[in-house]
Amino acid sequence: QVQLVESGGGLVQAGGSLRLSCAFSGRTFSTYNMGWFRQAPGKEREFVAAITWSLDIIDYADSVRGRFTISRDGPKNTVYLQMSTLKPEDTAVYYCAAISTLGRTVGRGTLRSATSYDYWGQGTQVTVSS
């Protein structure tokens, strides 16, 4: 069983930065592709960014491209989301998620769909004040 634990959320002013971390445990990190999603009050969960184990796909939602950076550290079994130039509309609970690579090929479409993911973290709140 995979466990995902997010950290790094908080309150920040518009224009500021935060770095979210997601600690992965329970299985072999290099056999999982990783994603970040977010959910604002009253809205559906939406894709933010994803990264494959081989780094051949690094993908972003249009709303965050150029401001957010996803990365992963193999030895630390951790995936990060560096968020810069934050806007009030970035306010949401941010979730880390994992897709197993075993027995399947994963493309951008799969990585962008929340229903594709096998495991989820509990979420971390990000609030951007104007």
N, C-alpha and C. Protein backbone atom coordinates (compact mmCIF):
# COMPACT_ATOMS: atom_id res chain seq x y z
N GLN A 1 0.84 -1.19 0.00
CA GLN A 1 0.00 0.00 0.00
C GLN A 1 0.88 1.25 0.00
N VAL A 2 0.54 2.17 -0.88
CA VAL A 2 1.29 3.42 -0.97
C VAL A 2 0.71 4.44 -0.01
N GLN A 3 1.58 5.16 0.67
CA GLN A 3 1.17 6.31 1.48
C GLN A 3 1.78 7.57 0.90
N LEU A 4 0.96 8.62 0.83
CA LEU A 4 1.39 9.91 0.33
C LEU A 4 1.07 10.95 1.38
N VAL A 5 2.07 11.74 1.75
CA VAL A 5 1.87 12.77 2.78
C VAL A 5 2.36 14.11 2.24
N GLU A 6 1.41 15.03 2.05
CA GLU A 6 1.74 16.37 1.56
C GLU A 6 2.11 17.29 2.72
N SER A 7 2.93 18.29 2.41
CA SER A 7 3.27 19.32 3.38
C SER A 7 3.68 20.57 2.62
N GLY A 8 3.75 21.69 3.34
CA GLY A 8 4.23 22.91 2.73
C GLY A 8 3.17 23.94 2.41
N GLY A 9 1.91 23.59 2.61
CA GLY A 9 0.86 24.56 2.35
C GLY A 9 0.85 25.67 3.38
N GLY A 10 0.04 26.69 3.12
CA GLY A 10 -0.06 27.79 4.06
C GLY A 10 -0.72 29.00 3.44
N LEU A 11 -0.58 30.12 4.13
CA LEU A 11 -1.15 31.39 3.69
C LEU A 11 -0.03 32.26 3.13
N VAL A 12 -0.25 32.79 1.93
CA VAL A 12 0.76 33.62 1.29
C VAL A 12 0.06 34.76 0.56
N GLN A 13 0.74 35.87 0.42
CA GLN A 13 0.19 37.00 -0.32
C GLN A 13 0.34 36.77 -1.82
N ALA A 14 -0.53 37.39 -2.57
CA ALA A 14 -0.45 37.31 -4.03
C ALA A 14 0.94 37.76 -4.49
N GLY A 15 1.48 37.01 -5.45
CA GLY A 15 2.82 37.28 -5.91
C GLY A 15 3.90 36.49 -5.20
N GLY A 16 3.53 35.86 -4.11
CA GLY A 16 4.48 35.10 -3.33
C GLY A 16 4.70 33.69 -3.85
N SER A 17 5.47 32.92 -3.09
CA SER A 17 5.84 31.57 -3.50
C SER A 17 5.66 30.59 -2.35
N LEU A 18 5.43 29.33 -2.72
CA LEU A 18 5.38 28.22 -1.77
C LEU A 18 5.95 26.99 -2.47
N ARG A 19 6.51 26.08 -1.67
CA ARG A 19 6.92 24.79 -2.21
C ARG A 19 6.20 23.68 -1.45
N LEU A 20 5.42 22.92 -2.19
CA LEU A 20 4.75 21.76 -1.61
C LEU A 20 5.63 20.53 -1.78
N SER A 21 5.56 19.66 -0.78
CA SER A 21 6.27 18.39 -0.83
C SER A 21 5.29 17.25 -0.65
N CYS A 22 5.61 16.12 -1.25
CA CYS A 22 4.79 14.92 -1.10
C CYS A 22 5.74 13.75 -0.85
N ALA A 23 5.68 13.22 0.35
CA ALA A 23 6.53 12.09 0.71
C ALA A 23 5.84 10.78 0.36
N PHE A 24 6.52 9.92 -0.41
CA PHE A 24 5.98 8.66 -0.91
C PHE A 24 6.59 7.51 -0.11
N SER A 25 5.77 6.55 0.28
CA SER A 25 6.29 5.37 0.98
C SER A 25 5.40 4.16 0.70
N GLY A 26 5.93 2.98 0.96
CA GLY A 26 5.15 1.76 0.86
C GLY A 26 5.43 0.91 -0.37
N ARG A 27 5.91 1.50 -1.41
CA ARG A 27 6.25 0.79 -2.65
C ARG A 27 7.51 1.43 -3.24
N THR A 28 7.91 0.94 -4.44
CA THR A 28 9.09 1.48 -5.10
C THR A 28 8.73 2.75 -5.85
N PHE A 29 9.29 3.85 -5.40
CA PHE A 29 8.95 5.17 -5.94
C PHE A 29 9.15 5.24 -7.45
N SER A 30 10.20 4.60 -7.95
CA SER A 30 10.53 4.70 -9.37
C SER A 30 9.56 3.96 -10.28
N THR A 31 8.62 3.23 -9.70
CA THR A 31 7.61 2.55 -10.52
C THR A 31 6.29 3.30 -10.53
N TYR A 32 6.32 4.54 -10.07
CA TYR A 32 5.10 5.36 -10.03
C TYR A 32 5.33 6.71 -10.71
N ASN A 33 4.35 7.07 -11.53
CA ASN A 33 4.26 8.44 -12.02
C ASN A 33 3.46 9.24 -11.00
N MET A 34 3.77 10.53 -10.92
CA MET A 34 3.19 11.35 -9.86
C MET A 34 2.47 12.57 -10.42
N GLY A 35 1.43 12.99 -9.72
CA GLY A 35 0.69 14.16 -10.14
C GLY A 35 0.27 15.03 -8.96
N TRP A 36 -0.02 16.29 -9.27
CA TRP A 36 -0.60 17.23 -8.32
C TRP A 36 -1.95 17.68 -8.87
N PHE A 37 -2.93 17.71 -8.01
CA PHE A 37 -4.26 18.21 -8.34
C PHE A 37 -4.65 19.22 -7.26
N ARG A 38 -5.70 19.97 -7.54
CA ARG A 38 -6.20 20.91 -6.54
C ARG A 38 -7.72 20.99 -6.62
N GLN A 39 -8.30 21.36 -5.50
CA GLN A 39 -9.76 21.51 -5.44
C GLN A 39 -10.10 22.72 -4.60
N ALA A 40 -10.76 23.66 -5.24
CA ALA A 40 -11.23 24.86 -4.56
C ALA A 40 -12.66 24.62 -4.07
N PRO A 41 -13.12 25.38 -3.06
CA PRO A 41 -14.48 25.19 -2.54
C PRO A 41 -15.53 25.32 -3.63
N GLY A 42 -16.41 24.34 -3.70
CA GLY A 42 -17.49 24.38 -4.67
C GLY A 42 -17.10 24.00 -6.08
N LYS A 43 -15.84 23.60 -6.27
CA LYS A 43 -15.37 23.25 -7.61
C LYS A 43 -14.88 21.81 -7.64
N GLU A 44 -14.78 21.28 -8.86
CA GLU A 44 -14.27 19.93 -9.03
C GLU A 44 -12.74 19.92 -8.88
N ARG A 45 -12.23 18.74 -8.57
CA ARG A 45 -10.79 18.58 -8.49
C ARG A 45 -10.20 18.75 -9.89
N GLU A 46 -9.12 19.52 -10.01
CA GLU A 46 -8.54 19.78 -11.31
C GLU A 46 -7.05 19.46 -11.33
N PHE A 47 -6.59 19.08 -12.51
CA PHE A 47 -5.20 18.75 -12.74
C PHE A 47 -4.33 20.00 -12.63
N VAL A 48 -3.16 19.85 -12.01
CA VAL A 48 -2.20 20.94 -11.90
C VAL A 48 -0.91 20.60 -12.65
N ALA A 49 -0.31 19.46 -12.31
CA ALA A 49 0.97 19.08 -12.92
C ALA A 49 1.21 17.59 -12.73
N ALA A 50 2.05 17.02 -13.60
CA ALA A 50 2.39 15.61 -13.50
C ALA A 50 3.81 15.38 -14.00
N ILE A 51 4.41 14.29 -13.50
CA ILE A 51 5.77 13.95 -13.90
C ILE A 51 5.90 12.44 -13.90
N THR A 52 6.46 11.89 -14.96
CA THR A 52 6.67 10.45 -15.03
C THR A 52 7.95 10.05 -14.31
N TRP A 53 8.06 8.74 -14.04
CA TRP A 53 9.25 8.26 -13.33
C TRP A 53 10.51 8.50 -14.15
N SER A 54 10.39 8.41 -15.49
CA SER A 54 11.55 8.56 -16.36
C SER A 54 11.80 10.01 -16.76
N LEU A 55 10.93 10.91 -16.33
CA LEU A 55 11.00 12.34 -16.67
C LEU A 55 10.74 12.60 -18.16
N ASP A 56 10.19 11.61 -18.88
CA ASP A 56 9.91 11.84 -20.30
C ASP A 56 8.66 12.67 -20.51
N ILE A 57 7.81 12.74 -19.51
CA ILE A 57 6.65 13.62 -19.56
C ILE A 57 6.63 14.49 -18.30
N ILE A 58 6.64 15.78 -18.50
CA ILE A 58 6.40 16.76 -17.44
C ILE A 58 5.34 17.69 -18.00
N ASP A 59 4.20 17.70 -17.36
CA ASP A 59 3.04 18.38 -17.95
C ASP A 59 2.41 19.31 -16.93
N TYR A 60 1.81 20.41 -17.43
CA TYR A 60 1.19 21.40 -16.57
C TYR A 60 -0.16 21.82 -17.14
N ALA A 61 -1.05 22.19 -16.25
CA ALA A 61 -2.27 22.85 -16.67
C ALA A 61 -1.91 24.22 -17.22
N ASP A 62 -2.68 24.69 -18.18
CA ASP A 62 -2.40 26.00 -18.78
C ASP A 62 -2.41 27.11 -17.73
N SER A 63 -3.24 26.97 -16.72
CA SER A 63 -3.39 28.02 -15.71
C SER A 63 -2.16 28.19 -14.83
N VAL A 64 -1.27 27.19 -14.81
CA VAL A 64 -0.10 27.28 -13.94
C VAL A 64 1.22 27.22 -14.71
N ARG A 65 1.14 26.92 -15.99
CA ARG A 65 2.38 26.78 -16.77
C ARG A 65 3.17 28.09 -16.73
N GLY A 66 4.46 27.96 -16.46
CA GLY A 66 5.32 29.14 -16.36
C GLY A 66 5.42 29.69 -14.95
N ARG A 67 4.52 29.27 -14.06
CA ARG A 67 4.55 29.73 -12.67
C ARG A 67 4.88 28.59 -11.71
N PHE A 68 4.45 27.39 -12.03
CA PHE A 68 4.67 26.22 -11.17
C PHE A 68 5.69 25.29 -11.81
N THR A 69 6.44 24.58 -10.96
CA THR A 69 7.40 23.60 -11.43
C THR A 69 7.27 22.32 -10.61
N ILE A 70 7.07 21.20 -11.29
CA ILE A 70 7.02 19.91 -10.62
C ILE A 70 8.37 19.22 -10.77
N SER A 71 8.78 18.53 -9.72
CA SER A 71 10.04 17.80 -9.77
C SER A 71 9.95 16.61 -8.82
N ARG A 72 10.89 15.68 -8.96
CA ARG A 72 10.91 14.53 -8.07
C ARG A 72 12.34 14.21 -7.69
N ASP A 73 12.52 13.74 -6.46
CA ASP A 73 13.83 13.37 -5.93
C ASP A 73 13.78 11.88 -5.60
N GLY A 74 14.44 11.05 -6.41
CA GLY A 74 14.39 9.61 -6.23
C GLY A 74 14.91 9.15 -4.88
N PRO A 75 16.11 9.53 -4.50
CA PRO A 75 16.65 9.08 -3.21
C PRO A 75 15.79 9.49 -2.02
N LYS A 76 15.09 10.60 -2.14
CA LYS A 76 14.25 11.06 -1.03
C LYS A 76 12.81 10.60 -1.15
N ASN A 77 12.47 9.90 -2.24
CA ASN A 77 11.10 9.43 -2.46
C ASN A 77 10.08 10.57 -2.29
N THR A 78 10.39 11.68 -2.91
CA THR A 78 9.57 12.88 -2.71
C THR A 78 9.32 13.57 -4.05
N VAL A 79 8.12 14.08 -4.21
CA VAL A 79 7.79 14.91 -5.36
C VAL A 79 7.46 16.30 -4.83
N TYR A 80 7.86 17.31 -5.59
CA TYR A 80 7.70 18.70 -5.17
C TYR A 80 6.83 19.47 -6.17
N LEU A 81 6.22 20.52 -5.68
CA LEU A 81 5.54 21.48 -6.54
C LEU A 81 5.97 22.87 -6.08
N GLN A 82 6.87 23.47 -6.85
CA GLN A 82 7.31 24.84 -6.57
C GLN A 82 6.32 25.80 -7.22
N MET A 83 5.70 26.63 -6.41
CA MET A 83 4.67 27.55 -6.91
C MET A 83 5.16 28.98 -6.75
N SER A 84 5.17 29.73 -7.83
CA SER A 84 5.63 31.11 -7.81
C SER A 84 4.56 32.01 -8.40
N THR A 85 4.70 33.30 -8.15
CA THR A 85 3.75 34.30 -8.67
C THR A 85 2.32 33.84 -8.38
N LEU A 86 2.08 33.49 -7.15
CA LEU A 86 0.78 32.95 -6.78
C LEU A 86 -0.32 33.99 -6.91
N LYS A 87 -1.50 33.52 -7.27
CA LYS A 87 -2.67 34.36 -7.47
C LYS A 87 -3.78 33.90 -6.52
N PRO A 88 -4.71 34.78 -6.17
CA PRO A 88 -5.83 34.36 -5.31
C PRO A 88 -6.58 33.15 -5.88
N GLU A 89 -6.65 33.05 -7.19
CA GLU A 89 -7.36 31.92 -7.81
C GLU A 89 -6.61 30.60 -7.67
N ASP A 90 -5.40 30.63 -7.15
CA ASP A 90 -4.67 29.39 -6.85
C ASP A 90 -5.08 28.81 -5.50
N THR A 91 -5.89 29.53 -4.75
CA THR A 91 -6.35 29.05 -3.45
C THR A 91 -7.13 27.75 -3.61
N ALA A 92 -6.71 26.72 -2.90
CA ALA A 92 -7.34 25.41 -3.00
C ALA A 92 -6.65 24.45 -2.04
N VAL A 93 -7.24 23.27 -1.90
CA VAL A 93 -6.54 22.17 -1.26
C VAL A 93 -5.77 21.44 -2.37
N TYR A 94 -4.49 21.24 -2.15
CA TYR A 94 -3.63 20.60 -3.15
C TYR A 94 -3.37 19.15 -2.73
N TYR A 95 -3.57 18.26 -3.70
CA TYR A 95 -3.42 16.83 -3.46
C TYR A 95 -2.30 16.25 -4.32
N CYS A 96 -1.55 15.37 -3.73
CA CYS A 96 -0.55 14.58 -4.44
C CYS A 96 -1.18 13.22 -4.78
N ALA A 97 -0.83 12.68 -5.94
CA ALA A 97 -1.40 11.40 -6.36
C ALA A 97 -0.35 10.57 -7.11
N ALA A 98 -0.56 9.24 -7.11
CA ALA A 98 0.40 8.33 -7.73
C ALA A 98 -0.29 7.32 -8.64
N ILE A 99 0.33 7.06 -9.79
CA ILE A 99 -0.14 6.03 -10.73
C ILE A 99 0.96 4.99 -10.88
N SER A 100 0.62 3.74 -10.70
CA SER A 100 1.60 2.68 -10.92
C SER A 100 1.90 2.53 -12.42
N THR A 101 3.16 2.30 -12.75
CA THR A 101 3.56 2.11 -14.14
C THR A 101 3.55 0.63 -14.53
N LEU A 102 3.38 -0.25 -13.56
CA LEU A 102 3.49 -1.68 -13.82
C LEU A 102 2.36 -2.16 -14.72
N GLY A 103 2.73 -2.71 -15.88
CA GLY A 103 1.75 -3.30 -16.77
C GLY A 103 0.96 -2.32 -17.60
N ARG A 104 1.35 -1.06 -17.62
CA ARG A 104 0.60 -0.12 -18.45
C ARG A 104 1.48 1.02 -18.94
N THR A 105 1.05 1.59 -20.07
CA THR A 105 1.69 2.77 -20.63
C THR A 105 0.84 3.97 -20.30
N VAL A 106 1.47 5.00 -19.80
CA VAL A 106 0.75 6.19 -19.35
C VAL A 106 1.13 7.38 -20.22
N GLY A 107 0.13 8.04 -20.79
CA GLY A 107 0.35 9.23 -21.60
C GLY A 107 -0.18 10.48 -20.92
N ARG A 108 -0.08 11.59 -21.62
CA ARG A 108 -0.50 12.86 -21.03
C ARG A 108 -1.97 12.85 -20.65
N GLY A 109 -2.79 12.27 -21.48
CA GLY A 109 -4.22 12.24 -21.19
C GLY A 109 -4.52 11.50 -19.89
N THR A 110 -3.84 10.39 -19.70
CA THR A 110 -4.01 9.62 -18.48
C THR A 110 -3.54 10.41 -17.27
N LEU A 111 -2.40 11.06 -17.39
CA LEU A 111 -1.85 11.82 -16.28
C LEU A 111 -2.73 13.02 -15.90
N ARG A 112 -3.49 13.53 -16.81
CA ARG A 112 -4.34 14.69 -16.55
C ARG A 112 -5.69 14.31 -15.93
N SER A 113 -6.00 13.02 -15.88
CA SER A 113 -7.29 12.58 -15.37
C SER A 113 -7.18 12.08 -13.94
N ALA A 114 -7.96 12.67 -13.04
CA ALA A 114 -7.90 12.27 -11.63
C ALA A 114 -8.31 10.81 -11.44
N THR A 115 -9.18 10.31 -12.28
CA THR A 115 -9.66 8.93 -12.12
C THR A 115 -8.59 7.90 -12.47
N SER A 116 -7.50 8.34 -13.09
CA SER A 116 -6.43 7.42 -13.47
C SER A 116 -5.55 7.02 -12.29
N TYR A 117 -5.55 7.81 -11.25
CA TYR A 117 -4.58 7.65 -10.17
C TYR A 117 -5.00 6.58 -9.17
N ASP A 118 -3.99 5.87 -8.68
CA ASP A 118 -4.24 4.75 -7.77
C ASP A 118 -4.26 5.18 -6.31
N TYR A 119 -3.47 6.17 -5.96
CA TYR A 119 -3.34 6.58 -4.56
C TYR A 119 -3.35 8.10 -4.45
N TRP A 120 -3.87 8.57 -3.32
CA TRP A 120 -4.00 10.01 -3.05
C TRP A 120 -3.52 10.33 -1.66
N GLY A 121 -2.95 11.55 -1.51
CA GLY A 121 -2.64 12.06 -0.20
C GLY A 121 -3.86 12.71 0.43
N GLN A 122 -3.68 13.22 1.63
CA GLN A 122 -4.80 13.82 2.37
C GLN A 122 -5.03 15.28 2.00
N GLY A 123 -4.08 15.88 1.32
CA GLY A 123 -4.22 17.26 0.87
C GLY A 123 -3.58 18.26 1.81
N THR A 124 -3.19 19.40 1.25
CA THR A 124 -2.64 20.51 2.03
C THR A 124 -3.25 21.80 1.51
N GLN A 125 -3.66 22.66 2.42
CA GLN A 125 -4.36 23.90 2.06
C GLN A 125 -3.37 24.98 1.64
N VAL A 126 -3.67 25.60 0.51
CA VAL A 126 -2.92 26.77 0.05
C VAL A 126 -3.92 27.91 -0.06
N THR A 127 -3.63 29.01 0.61
CA THR A 127 -4.50 30.19 0.57
C THR A 127 -3.67 31.37 0.13
N VAL A 128 -4.11 32.02 -0.94
CA VAL A 128 -3.41 33.19 -1.48
C VAL A 128 -4.29 34.41 -1.26
N SER A 129 -3.80 35.36 -0.50
CA SER A 129 -4.57 36.57 -0.21
C SER A 129 -4.23 37.66 -1.21
N SER A 130 -5.23 38.48 -1.48
CA SER A 130 -5.03 39.56 -2.47
C SER A 130 -4.52 40.83 -1.82
